[in-house]
Amino acid sequence: MRIARIQKETAVTEQGPVDLTLMDPLIEKYKGKKGNMIPLLQGTQELYGYIPREAFHKLAEGTGLKLSDMYGVATFYAQFRLNPVGKHIVKVCHGTACHVQNANELSEAIEEALKIKDGETTEDGLFTLESVACLGCCSLAPVMMIGDNTYGKLTGAQAVKIVKNIRIAENN
């Protein structure tokens, strides 16, 4: 089963001001180097959690890269984000093994608990929900991953409990 990446029909969301001076060391490191576009985009995303619109302009000015080329790369590769995401990204695997073991139950339960759909972020900015094609943990199906933590052999109720515990820990 292939998972289609669902793109929201809305434009890039309104973004707050960002400190573009954080990018100066990154630009200096890669300026003038061949094949610098992806490392620059990755570094920018690492700084902000996504690639702000203003960052594209700063990269273009600082490196001479074309805006259209950078935007083309950033929208082609799934690793890049053009909108802010939650502090915790909840990835639910929908690969073959997880699908057969009812991964849909996990996604539906989390969507209901967080009141968001796949690809969306909670209003408090704490969680973003993503369906992914495979997490490589087939023997643990169905699986979800939050940050670097992998949770396997889950039911919908167990998945929701994990998410709620993270929310409780964040509020303490």
Protein backbone atom coordinates (compact mmCIF):
# COMPACT_ATOMS: atom_id res chain seq x y z
CA MET A 1 0.00 0.00 0.00
CA ARG A 2 1.28 3.41 -0.89
CA ILE A 3 0.58 6.37 1.30
CA ALA A 4 -0.11 9.55 -0.58
CA ARG A 5 1.30 12.59 1.12
CA ILE A 6 -1.67 14.82 1.74
CA GLN A 7 -1.02 18.47 1.06
CA LYS A 8 -3.30 21.03 2.59
CA GLU A 9 -4.99 23.22 0.01
CA THR A 10 -4.15 26.33 2.00
CA ALA A 11 -1.21 28.56 1.28
CA VAL A 12 1.75 28.88 3.59
CA THR A 13 0.42 29.90 6.99
CA GLU A 14 1.14 33.24 8.57
CA GLN A 15 4.47 33.04 10.28
CA GLY A 16 5.79 35.12 13.11
CA PRO A 17 9.03 37.06 12.85
CA VAL A 18 12.20 34.97 12.78
CA ASP A 19 15.75 35.93 13.69
CA LEU A 20 17.50 35.59 10.33
CA THR A 21 20.91 36.36 11.86
CA LEU A 22 20.94 32.75 13.10
CA MET A 23 21.54 31.75 9.48
CA ASP A 24 24.77 33.76 9.08
CA PRO A 25 27.18 30.98 10.18
CA LEU A 26 25.32 28.49 7.98
CA ILE A 27 25.58 30.72 4.93
CA GLU A 28 29.28 31.36 5.57
CA LYS A 29 29.93 27.62 5.89
CA TYR A 30 28.34 26.72 2.54
CA LYS A 31 28.73 29.93 0.52
CA GLY A 32 30.32 29.22 -2.86
CA LYS A 33 30.47 25.45 -2.33
CA LYS A 34 29.19 23.16 -5.03
CA GLY A 35 26.04 21.22 -4.06
CA ASN A 36 25.26 23.55 -1.17
CA MET A 37 21.50 23.89 -1.66
CA ILE A 38 20.26 20.85 0.26
CA PRO A 39 22.66 21.34 3.21
CA LEU A 40 21.60 24.99 3.38
CA LEU A 41 17.91 24.07 3.38
CA GLN A 42 18.48 21.31 5.95
CA GLY A 43 20.47 23.64 8.18
CA THR A 44 17.83 26.33 7.95
CA GLN A 45 15.11 23.85 8.85
CA GLU A 46 17.19 22.61 11.77
CA LEU A 47 17.40 26.18 13.08
CA TYR A 48 13.69 27.00 12.87
CA GLY A 49 11.89 23.63 12.64
CA TYR A 50 10.73 24.60 9.14
CA ILE A 51 11.96 26.90 6.37
CA PRO A 52 10.47 30.36 6.84
CA ARG A 53 9.64 32.39 3.74
CA GLU A 54 12.13 35.08 4.75
CA ALA A 55 14.88 32.45 4.99
CA PHE A 56 14.58 31.66 1.28
CA HIS A 57 15.23 35.33 0.51
CA LYS A 58 18.21 35.49 2.88
CA LEU A 59 19.67 32.33 1.33
CA ALA A 60 19.22 33.77 -2.16
CA GLU A 61 20.92 37.04 -1.19
CA GLY A 62 23.72 35.35 0.75
CA THR A 63 24.56 32.56 -1.69
CA GLY A 64 23.27 33.59 -5.10
CA LEU A 65 20.97 30.56 -5.30
CA LYS A 66 17.75 31.16 -7.21
CA LEU A 67 14.53 31.34 -5.20
CA SER A 68 12.72 29.17 -7.73
CA ASP A 69 15.39 26.46 -7.52
CA MET A 70 15.34 26.41 -3.72
CA TYR A 71 11.57 26.35 -3.59
CA GLY A 72 11.50 23.54 -6.16
CA VAL A 73 13.85 21.42 -4.04
CA ALA A 74 12.04 22.25 -0.79
CA THR A 75 8.66 21.25 -2.22
CA PHE A 76 9.97 18.12 -3.96
CA TYR A 77 11.55 16.43 -0.93
CA ALA A 78 9.24 15.32 1.87
CA GLN A 79 11.88 16.14 4.50
CA PHE A 80 11.40 19.88 4.08
CA ARG A 81 8.63 21.84 5.75
CA LEU A 82 7.36 25.27 4.75
CA ASN A 83 5.10 25.69 7.77
CA PRO A 84 5.78 25.44 11.48
CA VAL A 85 5.15 22.01 13.00
CA GLY A 86 4.37 20.90 16.50
CA LYS A 87 7.00 20.33 19.13
CA HIS A 88 6.22 16.61 18.88
CA ILE A 89 5.67 14.99 15.49
CA VAL A 90 3.51 11.89 15.80
CA LYS A 91 4.29 9.59 12.88
CA VAL A 92 1.90 6.71 12.37
CA CYS A 93 3.18 3.98 10.09
CA HIS A 94 0.83 2.87 7.32
CA GLY A 95 3.17 0.43 5.60
CA THR A 96 1.88 -3.00 4.65
CA ALA A 97 2.50 -4.71 8.01
CA CYS A 98 1.01 -1.83 9.99
CA HIS A 99 -1.91 -1.46 7.61
CA VAL A 100 -2.78 -5.14 8.02
CA GLN A 101 -2.53 -4.74 11.80
CA ASN A 102 -5.03 -1.83 11.70
CA ALA A 103 -2.87 1.30 11.68
CA ASN A 104 -6.01 3.21 10.70
CA GLU A 105 -7.30 2.65 14.23
CA LEU A 106 -4.25 4.46 15.61
CA SER A 107 -4.58 7.41 13.24
CA GLU A 108 -8.31 7.77 13.83
CA ALA A 109 -7.95 7.58 17.62
CA ILE A 110 -5.17 10.19 17.64
CA GLU A 111 -7.08 12.46 15.25
CA GLU A 112 -10.09 12.31 17.55
CA ALA A 113 -8.07 12.87 20.72
CA LEU A 114 -6.06 15.79 19.33
CA LYS A 115 -8.89 17.19 17.20
CA ILE A 116 -6.68 17.38 14.12
CA LYS A 117 -6.40 15.55 10.81
CA ASP A 118 -3.38 13.97 9.19
CA GLY A 119 -0.81 16.64 8.37
CA GLU A 120 -2.22 19.18 10.82
CA THR A 121 -0.85 20.68 14.03
CA THR A 122 -2.74 21.18 17.28
CA GLU A 123 -3.71 24.74 18.16
CA ASP A 124 -1.26 24.77 21.06
CA GLY A 125 1.58 23.83 18.70
CA LEU A 126 2.43 20.74 20.71
CA PHE A 127 1.64 17.96 18.20
CA THR A 128 1.70 17.42 14.45
CA LEU A 129 0.20 14.19 13.09
CA GLU A 130 1.73 12.51 10.04
CA SER A 131 0.98 9.27 8.24
CA VAL A 132 4.18 7.75 6.90
CA ALA A 133 4.80 4.92 4.44
CA CYS A 134 7.11 2.88 6.65
CA LEU A 135 9.05 3.26 9.88
CA GLY A 136 10.97 0.01 9.39
CA CYS A 137 9.61 -1.66 12.52
CA CYS A 138 7.36 -4.22 10.85
CA SER A 139 7.66 -6.80 13.62
CA LEU A 140 6.13 -4.25 16.02
CA ALA A 141 3.11 -3.42 13.83
CA PRO A 142 1.13 -1.26 14.22
CA VAL A 143 3.74 1.36 15.10
CA MET A 144 3.94 5.06 15.82
CA MET A 145 6.98 7.20 16.45
CA ILE A 146 7.15 10.40 18.46
CA GLY A 147 10.51 12.09 18.27
CA ASP A 148 13.11 9.35 18.69
CA ASN A 149 10.74 7.04 20.58
CA THR A 150 9.08 4.12 18.81
CA TYR A 151 5.91 2.51 20.17
CA GLY A 152 4.74 -0.81 18.82
CA LYS A 153 1.93 -3.35 18.94
CA LEU A 154 -0.46 -0.53 19.77
CA THR A 155 -4.19 -0.17 19.96
CA GLY A 156 -5.87 3.17 19.38
CA ALA A 157 -6.44 3.58 23.11
CA GLN A 158 -2.78 2.91 23.89
CA ALA A 159 -1.65 5.43 21.27
CA VAL A 160 -3.92 8.09 22.73
CA LYS A 161 -2.66 7.35 26.25
CA ILE A 162 0.94 7.89 25.10
CA VAL A 163 0.05 11.22 23.50
CA LYS A 164 -1.91 12.33 26.57
CA ASN A 165 1.02 11.43 28.85
CA ILE A 166 3.32 13.58 26.73
CA ARG A 167 0.85 16.46 26.98
CA ILE A 168 0.67 16.05 30.78
CA ALA A 169 4.48 16.03 31.04
CA GLU A 170 4.68 19.17 28.90
CA ASN A 171 2.21 21.01 31.13
CA ASN A 172 4.12 20.24 34.33
